[in-house]
Amino acid sequence: MTTVYFIRHAQSDRFTQDDRTRPLTAEGLSDTVKITEALSDKGITHIISSPYKRTIQTVTNLSEKLGLSIETNEDLRERNAGKWHGENFKDFIKAQWEDFDYHILDGECLKDVQSRNIKALYHYLDKYSGETIAIATHGTALSTIINYYYNDFNYDSFMRIIDYMPYVVKIEFDDKKALSLEEILIIEKEYK
């Protein structure tokens, strides 16, 4: 059995427009200590992260506490929303959850986000089979992973967790089959 702790990043600075370099807020940085408190005794042997600054910052405290380096993987990055600029956000994400092929010009559909995230997950389930790992990721990316295994995870489920930053879930796997999902840590922060 392989155990994966998926960690949605802590609260990020929404005033930073560049998605890749957006940092955590001071409050978000403070909340990373709570992630460490929740996970430091779980036997984690590897920490993997999206290459985005906010996800790396989210698990830096944990990596330092455990003495583990952070391995990054481009396939774990957040969805490219394309030409969307923040207007009608709920309409945009609802359209994506109702049709996994829906996307805006130059953006990704949820089907593509799910495909690359599952590809990355499969890689680590093979590479670290039988171990306990942590994967730092994003709300949409994590939601598509959960949906892949639990297809009742939908738009309403996504909206339930939209303000959970950070959000930690534990999924246990037998090879690539999900056996269980458990919410480990929820910290509500208003999504802006």
N, C-alpha and C. Protein backbone atom coordinates (compact mmCIF):
# COMPACT_ATOMS: atom_id res chain seq x y z
N MET A 1 0.85 -1.19 0.00
CA MET A 1 0.00 0.00 0.00
C MET A 1 0.88 1.24 0.00
N THR A 2 0.50 2.22 -0.79
CA THR A 2 1.19 3.52 -0.84
C THR A 2 0.23 4.57 -0.31
N THR A 3 0.74 5.43 0.55
CA THR A 3 -0.07 6.50 1.12
C THR A 3 0.40 7.83 0.56
N VAL A 4 -0.55 8.62 0.09
CA VAL A 4 -0.23 9.95 -0.45
C VAL A 4 -1.01 11.00 0.33
N TYR A 5 -0.28 11.97 0.85
CA TYR A 5 -0.89 13.15 1.45
C TYR A 5 -0.85 14.25 0.40
N PHE A 6 -2.00 14.60 -0.12
CA PHE A 6 -2.11 15.69 -1.09
C PHE A 6 -2.33 16.98 -0.32
N ILE A 7 -1.54 17.98 -0.63
CA ILE A 7 -1.58 19.24 0.11
C ILE A 7 -1.90 20.38 -0.86
N ARG A 8 -3.10 20.92 -0.74
CA ARG A 8 -3.39 22.12 -1.51
C ARG A 8 -2.68 23.28 -0.81
N HIS A 9 -2.07 24.15 -1.59
CA HIS A 9 -1.27 25.23 -1.04
C HIS A 9 -2.05 26.11 -0.07
N ALA A 10 -1.31 26.78 0.79
CA ALA A 10 -1.89 27.74 1.73
C ALA A 10 -2.31 29.01 0.97
N GLN A 11 -2.88 29.97 1.69
CA GLN A 11 -3.40 31.19 1.07
C GLN A 11 -2.29 31.94 0.32
N SER A 12 -2.58 32.28 -0.93
CA SER A 12 -1.59 32.98 -1.75
C SER A 12 -1.99 34.44 -1.96
N ASP A 13 -1.02 35.21 -2.38
CA ASP A 13 -1.19 36.64 -2.61
C ASP A 13 -1.85 36.86 -3.96
N ARG A 14 -3.15 37.11 -3.97
CA ARG A 14 -3.89 37.25 -5.22
C ARG A 14 -3.54 38.53 -5.98
N PHE A 15 -2.76 39.42 -5.36
CA PHE A 15 -2.36 40.64 -6.06
C PHE A 15 -1.19 40.40 -7.00
N THR A 16 -0.51 39.28 -6.85
CA THR A 16 0.56 38.90 -7.77
C THR A 16 -0.08 38.21 -8.96
N GLN A 17 0.01 38.83 -10.12
CA GLN A 17 -0.70 38.33 -11.30
C GLN A 17 -0.05 37.10 -11.93
N ASP A 18 1.27 36.99 -11.82
CA ASP A 18 1.94 35.86 -12.45
C ASP A 18 1.67 34.59 -11.64
N ASP A 19 0.97 33.65 -12.24
CA ASP A 19 0.53 32.45 -11.54
C ASP A 19 1.71 31.63 -11.01
N ARG A 20 2.78 31.56 -11.79
CA ARG A 20 3.92 30.73 -11.44
C ARG A 20 4.71 31.27 -10.24
N THR A 21 4.77 32.59 -10.10
CA THR A 21 5.60 33.18 -9.04
C THR A 21 4.78 33.75 -7.88
N ARG A 22 3.47 33.54 -7.89
CA ARG A 22 2.62 34.06 -6.81
C ARG A 22 3.04 33.45 -5.47
N PRO A 23 3.39 34.27 -4.49
CA PRO A 23 3.82 33.75 -3.19
C PRO A 23 2.63 33.58 -2.24
N LEU A 24 2.91 32.98 -1.11
CA LEU A 24 1.93 32.90 -0.04
C LEU A 24 1.84 34.25 0.66
N THR A 25 0.69 34.51 1.25
CA THR A 25 0.54 35.68 2.13
C THR A 25 1.27 35.38 3.43
N ALA A 26 1.44 36.40 4.27
CA ALA A 26 2.05 36.20 5.59
C ALA A 26 1.23 35.18 6.38
N GLU A 27 -0.09 35.28 6.28
CA GLU A 27 -0.98 34.34 6.96
C GLU A 27 -0.82 32.93 6.40
N GLY A 28 -0.68 32.84 5.09
CA GLY A 28 -0.45 31.55 4.46
C GLY A 28 0.85 30.91 4.92
N LEU A 29 1.91 31.72 4.98
CA LEU A 29 3.19 31.21 5.48
C LEU A 29 3.07 30.70 6.90
N SER A 30 2.33 31.43 7.72
CA SER A 30 2.12 31.01 9.11
C SER A 30 1.37 29.67 9.17
N ASP A 31 0.42 29.47 8.28
CA ASP A 31 -0.37 28.24 8.26
C ASP A 31 0.45 27.01 7.84
N THR A 32 1.58 27.22 7.18
CA THR A 32 2.40 26.07 6.77
C THR A 32 2.92 25.30 7.98
N VAL A 33 3.06 25.98 9.10
CA VAL A 33 3.49 25.30 10.33
C VAL A 33 2.44 24.28 10.77
N LYS A 34 1.17 24.59 10.54
CA LYS A 34 0.09 23.67 10.91
C LYS A 34 0.14 22.41 10.04
N ILE A 35 0.57 22.56 8.80
CA ILE A 35 0.75 21.39 7.92
C ILE A 35 1.85 20.50 8.50
N THR A 36 2.94 21.13 8.90
CA THR A 36 4.05 20.38 9.49
C THR A 36 3.60 19.65 10.75
N GLU A 37 2.85 20.34 11.59
CA GLU A 37 2.35 19.71 12.83
C GLU A 37 1.46 18.51 12.51
N ALA A 38 0.66 18.61 11.46
CA ALA A 38 -0.27 17.53 11.11
C ALA A 38 0.43 16.35 10.45
N LEU A 39 1.56 16.59 9.77
CA LEU A 39 2.15 15.54 8.94
C LEU A 39 3.53 15.06 9.36
N SER A 40 4.17 15.74 10.30
CA SER A 40 5.57 15.40 10.60
C SER A 40 5.77 14.00 11.19
N ASP A 41 4.72 13.40 11.74
CA ASP A 41 4.86 12.06 12.33
C ASP A 41 4.21 10.97 11.48
N LYS A 42 3.98 11.24 10.20
CA LYS A 42 3.26 10.29 9.33
C LYS A 42 4.18 9.35 8.55
N GLY A 43 5.49 9.48 8.73
CA GLY A 43 6.42 8.60 8.03
C GLY A 43 6.64 8.98 6.58
N ILE A 44 6.48 10.24 6.25
CA ILE A 44 6.67 10.71 4.87
C ILE A 44 8.13 10.54 4.47
N THR A 45 8.34 9.93 3.31
CA THR A 45 9.70 9.67 2.83
C THR A 45 10.09 10.55 1.65
N HIS A 46 9.11 11.15 0.98
CA HIS A 46 9.39 12.00 -0.18
C HIS A 46 8.36 13.12 -0.24
N ILE A 47 8.83 14.30 -0.66
CA ILE A 47 7.94 15.45 -0.86
C ILE A 47 8.06 15.88 -2.30
N ILE A 48 6.93 15.93 -2.97
CA ILE A 48 6.87 16.34 -4.38
C ILE A 48 5.98 17.56 -4.46
N SER A 49 6.27 18.46 -5.40
CA SER A 49 5.48 19.68 -5.50
C SER A 49 5.34 20.14 -6.94
N SER A 50 4.24 20.81 -7.18
CA SER A 50 4.13 21.65 -8.37
C SER A 50 5.32 22.61 -8.32
N PRO A 51 5.82 23.07 -9.47
CA PRO A 51 6.95 24.00 -9.45
C PRO A 51 6.57 25.45 -9.10
N TYR A 52 5.30 25.70 -8.86
CA TYR A 52 4.86 27.06 -8.56
C TYR A 52 5.30 27.47 -7.15
N LYS A 53 5.64 28.74 -7.01
CA LYS A 53 6.20 29.25 -5.76
C LYS A 53 5.32 28.96 -4.55
N ARG A 54 4.01 29.15 -4.68
CA ARG A 54 3.13 29.00 -3.53
C ARG A 54 3.06 27.56 -3.02
N THR A 55 3.19 26.58 -3.92
CA THR A 55 3.17 25.20 -3.47
C THR A 55 4.49 24.82 -2.80
N ILE A 56 5.58 25.28 -3.38
CA ILE A 56 6.89 25.01 -2.77
C ILE A 56 6.97 25.65 -1.39
N GLN A 57 6.50 26.90 -1.26
CA GLN A 57 6.50 27.55 0.05
C GLN A 57 5.62 26.79 1.05
N THR A 58 4.55 26.21 0.58
CA THR A 58 3.62 25.49 1.45
C THR A 58 4.27 24.30 2.12
N VAL A 59 5.21 23.63 1.45
CA VAL A 59 5.84 22.44 2.04
C VAL A 59 7.29 22.65 2.46
N THR A 60 7.78 23.88 2.39
CA THR A 60 9.17 24.14 2.79
C THR A 60 9.38 23.86 4.27
N ASN A 61 8.47 24.29 5.13
CA ASN A 61 8.61 24.04 6.56
C ASN A 61 8.63 22.54 6.84
N LEU A 62 7.73 21.80 6.19
CA LEU A 62 7.68 20.35 6.35
C LEU A 62 8.98 19.70 5.88
N SER A 63 9.49 20.13 4.74
CA SER A 63 10.73 19.54 4.21
C SER A 63 11.91 19.80 5.14
N GLU A 64 11.95 20.99 5.72
CA GLU A 64 13.02 21.31 6.66
C GLU A 64 12.91 20.47 7.92
N LYS A 65 11.71 20.32 8.44
CA LYS A 65 11.48 19.53 9.65
C LYS A 65 11.86 18.06 9.44
N LEU A 66 11.52 17.53 8.26
CA LEU A 66 11.79 16.12 7.97
C LEU A 66 13.16 15.87 7.36
N GLY A 67 13.87 16.94 6.97
CA GLY A 67 15.17 16.78 6.33
C GLY A 67 15.08 16.18 4.95
N LEU A 68 13.98 16.49 4.24
CA LEU A 68 13.76 15.97 2.89
C LEU A 68 13.81 17.10 1.87
N SER A 69 14.37 16.83 0.71
CA SER A 69 14.33 17.82 -0.36
C SER A 69 12.95 17.80 -1.02
N ILE A 70 12.66 18.85 -1.75
CA ILE A 70 11.39 18.96 -2.47
C ILE A 70 11.66 18.69 -3.95
N GLU A 71 11.04 17.65 -4.45
CA GLU A 71 11.14 17.31 -5.87
C GLU A 71 9.99 18.00 -6.60
N THR A 72 10.27 18.72 -7.68
CA THR A 72 9.19 19.38 -8.41
C THR A 72 8.85 18.61 -9.68
N ASN A 73 7.61 18.77 -10.10
CA ASN A 73 7.13 18.11 -11.31
C ASN A 73 6.17 19.06 -12.03
N GLU A 74 6.52 19.42 -13.23
CA GLU A 74 5.74 20.36 -14.03
C GLU A 74 4.30 19.89 -14.26
N ASP A 75 4.10 18.58 -14.33
CA ASP A 75 2.75 18.06 -14.58
C ASP A 75 1.80 18.28 -13.42
N LEU A 76 2.32 18.66 -12.26
CA LEU A 76 1.46 18.92 -11.10
C LEU A 76 1.04 20.39 -11.00
N ARG A 77 1.38 21.17 -12.00
CA ARG A 77 1.05 22.61 -11.98
C ARG A 77 -0.47 22.82 -12.04
N GLU A 78 -0.87 24.05 -11.73
CA GLU A 78 -2.28 24.42 -11.77
C GLU A 78 -2.78 24.52 -13.21
N ARG A 79 -4.07 24.51 -13.35
CA ARG A 79 -4.71 24.67 -14.66
C ARG A 79 -4.34 26.01 -15.27
N ASN A 80 -4.05 25.99 -16.56
CA ASN A 80 -3.87 27.23 -17.32
C ASN A 80 -5.26 27.70 -17.72
N ALA A 81 -5.69 28.81 -17.13
CA ALA A 81 -7.05 29.31 -17.39
C ALA A 81 -7.14 30.04 -18.73
N GLY A 82 -6.04 30.23 -19.42
CA GLY A 82 -6.07 30.88 -20.72
C GLY A 82 -6.37 32.37 -20.62
N LYS A 83 -7.23 32.86 -21.48
CA LYS A 83 -7.52 34.30 -21.56
C LYS A 83 -8.49 34.77 -20.49
N TRP A 84 -8.87 33.89 -19.58
CA TRP A 84 -9.76 34.30 -18.49
C TRP A 84 -9.01 35.25 -17.57
N HIS A 85 -9.66 36.36 -17.18
CA HIS A 85 -8.99 37.38 -16.36
C HIS A 85 -9.73 37.68 -15.07
N GLY A 86 -10.48 36.75 -14.57
CA GLY A 86 -11.08 36.94 -13.25
C GLY A 86 -12.55 37.30 -13.24
N GLU A 87 -13.12 37.61 -14.39
CA GLU A 87 -14.54 37.93 -14.41
C GLU A 87 -15.37 36.65 -14.53
N ASN A 88 -16.52 36.64 -13.86
CA ASN A 88 -17.44 35.50 -13.91
C ASN A 88 -16.76 34.18 -13.57
N PHE A 89 -15.98 34.18 -12.51
CA PHE A 89 -15.22 33.00 -12.12
C PHE A 89 -16.10 31.78 -11.91
N LYS A 90 -17.20 31.96 -11.18
CA LYS A 90 -18.06 30.81 -10.90
C LYS A 90 -18.67 30.25 -12.18
N ASP A 91 -19.04 31.12 -13.11
CA ASP A 91 -19.58 30.65 -14.39
C ASP A 91 -18.52 29.85 -15.16
N PHE A 92 -17.29 30.35 -15.13
CA PHE A 92 -16.18 29.68 -15.82
C PHE A 92 -15.94 28.30 -15.24
N ILE A 93 -15.81 28.20 -13.92
CA ILE A 93 -15.51 26.89 -13.35
C ILE A 93 -16.71 25.94 -13.43
N LYS A 94 -17.91 26.49 -13.35
CA LYS A 94 -19.09 25.63 -13.50
C LYS A 94 -19.12 25.03 -14.90
N ALA A 95 -18.83 25.84 -15.91
CA ALA A 95 -18.78 25.33 -17.28
C ALA A 95 -17.72 24.24 -17.42
N GLN A 96 -16.59 24.42 -16.76
CA GLN A 96 -15.54 23.40 -16.83
C GLN A 96 -15.96 22.10 -16.15
N TRP A 97 -16.63 22.20 -15.01
CA TRP A 97 -17.05 20.98 -14.31
C TRP A 97 -18.21 20.29 -15.01
N GLU A 98 -19.02 21.04 -15.73
CA GLU A 98 -20.13 20.43 -16.48
C GLU A 98 -19.66 19.78 -17.77
N ASP A 99 -18.54 20.26 -18.30
CA ASP A 99 -17.98 19.72 -19.54
C ASP A 99 -16.46 19.73 -19.41
N PHE A 100 -15.87 18.56 -19.14
CA PHE A 100 -14.42 18.46 -18.90
C PHE A 100 -13.59 18.85 -20.13
N ASP A 101 -14.23 19.03 -21.30
CA ASP A 101 -13.53 19.49 -22.50
C ASP A 101 -13.62 21.01 -22.68
N TYR A 102 -14.40 21.70 -21.83
CA TYR A 102 -14.58 23.15 -21.97
C TYR A 102 -13.31 23.90 -21.56
N HIS A 103 -12.92 24.86 -22.38
CA HIS A 103 -11.78 25.72 -22.05
C HIS A 103 -11.93 27.05 -22.77
N ILE A 104 -11.20 28.01 -22.28
CA ILE A 104 -11.14 29.34 -22.90
C ILE A 104 -9.89 29.38 -23.77
N LEU A 105 -9.88 30.27 -24.75
CA LEU A 105 -8.76 30.42 -25.69
C LEU A 105 -7.42 30.35 -24.96
N ASP A 106 -6.55 29.49 -25.44
CA ASP A 106 -5.20 29.29 -24.90
C ASP A 106 -5.19 28.64 -23.52
N GLY A 107 -6.33 28.17 -23.06
CA GLY A 107 -6.39 27.55 -21.74
C GLY A 107 -6.55 26.05 -21.82
N GLU A 108 -6.52 25.43 -20.64
CA GLU A 108 -6.67 23.99 -20.54
C GLU A 108 -8.08 23.62 -20.10
N CYS A 109 -8.55 22.51 -20.59
CA CYS A 109 -9.80 21.95 -20.08
C CYS A 109 -9.45 21.05 -18.89
N LEU A 110 -10.44 20.73 -18.07
CA LEU A 110 -10.19 19.90 -16.90
C LEU A 110 -9.74 18.49 -17.29
N LYS A 111 -10.17 18.02 -18.44
CA LYS A 111 -9.73 16.71 -18.92
C LYS A 111 -8.21 16.68 -19.09
N ASP A 112 -7.64 17.75 -19.64
CA ASP A 112 -6.19 17.83 -19.82
C ASP A 112 -5.46 17.97 -18.48
N VAL A 113 -6.03 18.77 -17.58
CA VAL A 113 -5.44 18.94 -16.25
C VAL A 113 -5.42 17.59 -15.54
N GLN A 114 -6.55 16.90 -15.59
CA GLN A 114 -6.65 15.60 -14.93
C GLN A 114 -5.67 14.60 -15.54
N SER A 115 -5.56 14.59 -16.84
CA SER A 115 -4.69 13.63 -17.52
C SER A 115 -3.23 13.81 -17.10
N ARG A 116 -2.74 15.03 -17.08
CA ARG A 116 -1.33 15.22 -16.73
C ARG A 116 -1.08 15.02 -15.24
N ASN A 117 -2.06 15.35 -14.40
CA ASN A 117 -1.89 15.12 -12.97
C ASN A 117 -1.92 13.63 -12.64
N ILE A 118 -2.78 12.87 -13.28
CA ILE A 118 -2.83 11.43 -13.05
C ILE A 118 -1.55 10.77 -13.58
N LYS A 119 -1.07 11.25 -14.71
CA LYS A 119 0.20 10.73 -15.24
C LYS A 119 1.32 10.92 -14.21
N ALA A 120 1.39 12.11 -13.61
CA ALA A 120 2.40 12.38 -12.59
C ALA A 120 2.19 11.49 -11.37
N LEU A 121 0.94 11.38 -10.93
CA LEU A 121 0.65 10.55 -9.78
C LEU A 121 1.05 9.10 -10.03
N TYR A 122 0.71 8.54 -11.19
CA TYR A 122 1.08 7.17 -11.52
C TYR A 122 2.59 6.98 -11.45
N HIS A 123 3.32 7.98 -11.94
CA HIS A 123 4.79 7.92 -11.89
C HIS A 123 5.27 7.73 -10.45
N TYR A 124 4.70 8.52 -9.54
CA TYR A 124 5.15 8.44 -8.15
C TYR A 124 4.60 7.21 -7.43
N LEU A 125 3.44 6.75 -7.82
CA LEU A 125 2.93 5.51 -7.23
C LEU A 125 3.82 4.32 -7.61
N ASP A 126 4.39 4.36 -8.80
CA ASP A 126 5.36 3.34 -9.22
C ASP A 126 6.71 3.55 -8.54
N LYS A 127 7.21 4.76 -8.61
CA LYS A 127 8.55 5.08 -8.10
C LYS A 127 8.66 4.87 -6.59
N TYR A 128 7.63 5.24 -5.86
CA TYR A 128 7.67 5.16 -4.39
C TYR A 128 6.63 4.18 -3.84
N SER A 129 6.43 3.10 -4.57
CA SER A 129 5.45 2.08 -4.17
C SER A 129 5.73 1.59 -2.76
N GLY A 130 4.68 1.54 -1.95
CA GLY A 130 4.79 1.05 -0.58
C GLY A 130 5.25 2.10 0.42
N GLU A 131 5.52 3.31 -0.06
CA GLU A 131 6.00 4.37 0.83
C GLU A 131 4.87 5.36 1.14
N THR A 132 5.22 6.36 1.94
CA THR A 132 4.30 7.44 2.28
C THR A 132 4.89 8.73 1.74
N ILE A 133 4.16 9.39 0.86
CA ILE A 133 4.67 10.59 0.21
C ILE A 133 3.70 11.76 0.37
N ALA A 134 4.23 12.95 0.19
CA ALA A 134 3.41 14.17 0.20
C ALA A 134 3.52 14.82 -1.17
N ILE A 135 2.39 15.28 -1.69
CA ILE A 135 2.36 15.99 -2.98
C ILE A 135 1.67 17.32 -2.77
N ALA A 136 2.43 18.40 -2.98
CA ALA A 136 1.88 19.76 -2.87
C ALA A 136 1.35 20.19 -4.22
N THR A 137 0.11 20.66 -4.22
CA THR A 137 -0.56 20.94 -5.48
C THR A 137 -1.53 22.10 -5.32
N HIS A 138 -2.48 22.19 -6.24
CA HIS A 138 -3.41 23.31 -6.34
C HIS A 138 -4.84 22.80 -6.23
N GLY A 139 -5.78 23.72 -6.00
CA GLY A 139 -7.17 23.36 -5.82
C GLY A 139 -7.77 22.63 -7.01
N THR A 140 -7.61 23.17 -8.20
CA THR A 140 -8.18 22.54 -9.38
C THR A 140 -7.47 21.23 -9.69
N ALA A 141 -6.16 21.25 -9.62
CA ALA A 141 -5.39 20.04 -9.90
C ALA A 141 -5.78 18.91 -8.95
N LEU A 142 -5.82 19.21 -7.66
CA LEU A 142 -6.20 18.20 -6.67
C LEU A 142 -7.63 17.72 -6.90
N SER A 143 -8.52 18.63 -7.22
CA SER A 143 -9.92 18.26 -7.46
C SER A 143 -10.07 17.30 -8.63
N THR A 144 -9.27 17.48 -9.67
CA THR A 144 -9.36 16.56 -10.80
C THR A 144 -8.81 15.18 -10.45
N ILE A 145 -7.82 15.14 -9.55
CA ILE A 145 -7.31 13.85 -9.09
C ILE A 145 -8.39 13.13 -8.28
N ILE A 146 -9.00 13.86 -7.35
CA ILE A 146 -10.06 13.25 -6.54
C ILE A 146 -11.20 12.77 -7.44
N ASN A 147 -11.59 13.60 -8.42
CA ASN A 147 -12.66 13.23 -9.34
C ASN A 147 -12.33 11.97 -10.15
N TYR A 148 -11.08 11.78 -10.48
CA TYR A 148 -10.66 10.60 -11.24
C TYR A 148 -10.99 9.32 -10.48
N TYR A 149 -10.81 9.35 -9.17
CA TYR A 149 -11.06 8.17 -8.34
C TYR A 149 -12.46 8.14 -7.74
N TYR A 150 -13.02 9.31 -7.52
CA TYR A 150 -14.34 9.42 -6.90
C TYR A 150 -15.18 10.34 -7.77
N ASN A 151 -15.87 9.76 -8.77
CA ASN A 151 -16.52 10.60 -9.77
C ASN A 151 -17.73 11.36 -9.25
N ASP A 152 -18.09 11.17 -7.99
CA ASP A 152 -19.13 12.01 -7.41
C ASP A 152 -18.56 13.36 -6.93
N PHE A 153 -17.23 13.51 -7.01
CA PHE A 153 -16.62 14.80 -6.73
C PHE A 153 -16.88 15.68 -7.95
N ASN A 154 -17.67 16.75 -7.77
CA ASN A 154 -18.15 17.56 -8.89
C ASN A 154 -18.01 19.05 -8.58
N TYR A 155 -18.72 19.85 -9.33
CA TYR A 155 -18.68 21.31 -9.15
C TYR A 155 -19.02 21.70 -7.71
N ASP A 156 -20.08 21.12 -7.16
CA ASP A 156 -20.46 21.46 -5.78
C ASP A 156 -19.36 21.07 -4.79
N SER A 157 -18.72 19.95 -5.04
CA SER A 157 -17.61 19.51 -4.19
C SER A 157 -16.46 20.50 -4.28
N PHE A 158 -16.17 20.94 -5.51
CA PHE A 158 -15.10 21.92 -5.71
C PHE A 158 -15.42 23.22 -4.98
N MET A 159 -16.66 23.67 -5.08
CA MET A 159 -17.04 24.92 -4.42
C MET A 159 -16.98 24.76 -2.89
N ARG A 160 -17.20 23.56 -2.38
CA ARG A 160 -17.09 23.33 -0.94
C ARG A 160 -15.66 23.56 -0.46
N ILE A 161 -14.67 23.18 -1.27
CA ILE A 161 -13.28 23.28 -0.82
C ILE A 161 -12.57 24.54 -1.31
N ILE A 162 -13.25 25.38 -2.06
CA ILE A 162 -12.59 26.52 -2.68
C ILE A 162 -11.90 27.44 -1.66
N ASP A 163 -12.44 27.52 -0.47
CA ASP A 163 -11.86 28.37 0.57
C ASP A 163 -10.96 27.59 1.53
N TYR A 164 -10.64 26.35 1.22
CA TYR A 164 -9.76 25.55 2.08
C TYR A 164 -8.31 25.74 1.61
N MET A 165 -7.57 26.56 2.35
CA MET A 165 -6.18 26.85 2.00
C MET A 165 -5.36 26.99 3.27
N PRO A 166 -4.60 26.02 3.67
CA PRO A 166 -4.34 24.75 2.99
C PRO A 166 -5.44 23.72 3.24
N TYR A 167 -5.37 22.68 2.44
CA TYR A 167 -6.30 21.57 2.52
C TYR A 167 -5.47 20.30 2.31
N VAL A 168 -5.54 19.38 3.24
CA VAL A 168 -4.74 18.16 3.15
C VAL A 168 -5.68 16.95 3.17
N VAL A 169 -5.52 16.09 2.16
CA VAL A 169 -6.27 14.84 2.12
C VAL A 169 -5.29 13.67 2.00
N LYS A 170 -5.67 12.58 2.61
CA LYS A 170 -4.88 11.35 2.57
C LYS A 170 -5.63 10.34 1.71
N ILE A 171 -4.93 9.81 0.71
CA ILE A 171 -5.49 8.74 -0.09
C ILE A 171 -4.54 7.56 -0.02
N GLU A 172 -5.08 6.39 0.30
CA GLU A 172 -4.29 5.17 0.32
C GLU A 172 -4.55 4.41 -0.97
N PHE A 173 -3.46 3.88 -1.55
CA PHE A 173 -3.52 3.20 -2.84
C PHE A 173 -3.00 1.78 -2.73
N ASP A 174 -3.67 0.88 -3.43
CA ASP A 174 -3.15 -0.45 -3.70
C ASP A 174 -2.78 -0.42 -5.18
N ASP A 175 -1.48 -0.40 -5.46
CA ASP A 175 -0.97 -0.13 -6.80
C ASP A 175 -1.52 1.23 -7.23
N LYS A 176 -2.40 1.28 -8.21
CA LYS A 176 -2.96 2.57 -8.65
C LYS A 176 -4.44 2.70 -8.31
N LYS A 177 -4.94 1.79 -7.53
CA LYS A 177 -6.35 1.82 -7.12
C LYS A 177 -6.48 2.52 -5.77
N ALA A 178 -7.34 3.55 -5.73
CA ALA A 178 -7.58 4.26 -4.47
C ALA A 178 -8.44 3.40 -3.56
N LEU A 179 -8.01 3.27 -2.31
CA LEU A 179 -8.73 2.46 -1.34
C LEU A 179 -9.56 3.32 -0.39
N SER A 180 -9.06 4.50 -0.07
CA SER A 180 -9.76 5.36 0.89
C SER A 180 -9.29 6.80 0.73
N LEU A 181 -10.16 7.71 1.12
CA LEU A 181 -9.85 9.14 1.13
C LEU A 181 -10.27 9.70 2.48
N GLU A 182 -9.36 10.46 3.09
CA GLU A 182 -9.64 11.06 4.40
C GLU A 182 -9.14 12.50 4.42
N GLU A 183 -9.99 13.41 4.84
CA GLU A 183 -9.56 14.80 5.01
C GLU A 183 -8.77 14.90 6.31
N ILE A 184 -7.57 15.45 6.23
CA ILE A 184 -6.65 15.50 7.37
C ILE A 184 -6.59 16.89 7.99
N LEU A 185 -6.56 17.92 7.15
CA LEU A 185 -6.43 19.29 7.64
C LEU A 185 -7.21 20.23 6.73
N ILE A 186 -8.03 21.07 7.35
CA ILE A 186 -8.80 22.09 6.62
C ILE A 186 -8.60 23.41 7.34
N ILE A 187 -8.11 24.38 6.61
CA ILE A 187 -8.04 25.75 7.14
C ILE A 187 -8.76 26.63 6.14
N GLU A 188 -9.82 27.29 6.59
CA GLU A 188 -10.62 28.12 5.69
C GLU A 188 -10.03 29.52 5.59
N LYS A 189 -9.82 29.94 4.35
CA LYS A 189 -9.37 31.29 4.02
C LYS A 189 -10.20 31.75 2.83
N GLU A 190 -10.67 32.95 2.85
CA GLU A 190 -11.51 33.41 1.75
C GLU A 190 -10.72 33.43 0.45
N TYR A 191 -11.27 32.76 -0.57
CA TYR A 191 -10.67 32.77 -1.90
C TYR A 191 -10.99 34.11 -2.53
N LYS A 192 -9.98 34.81 -2.95
CA LYS A 192 -10.18 36.14 -3.52
C LYS A 192 -9.73 36.18 -4.95
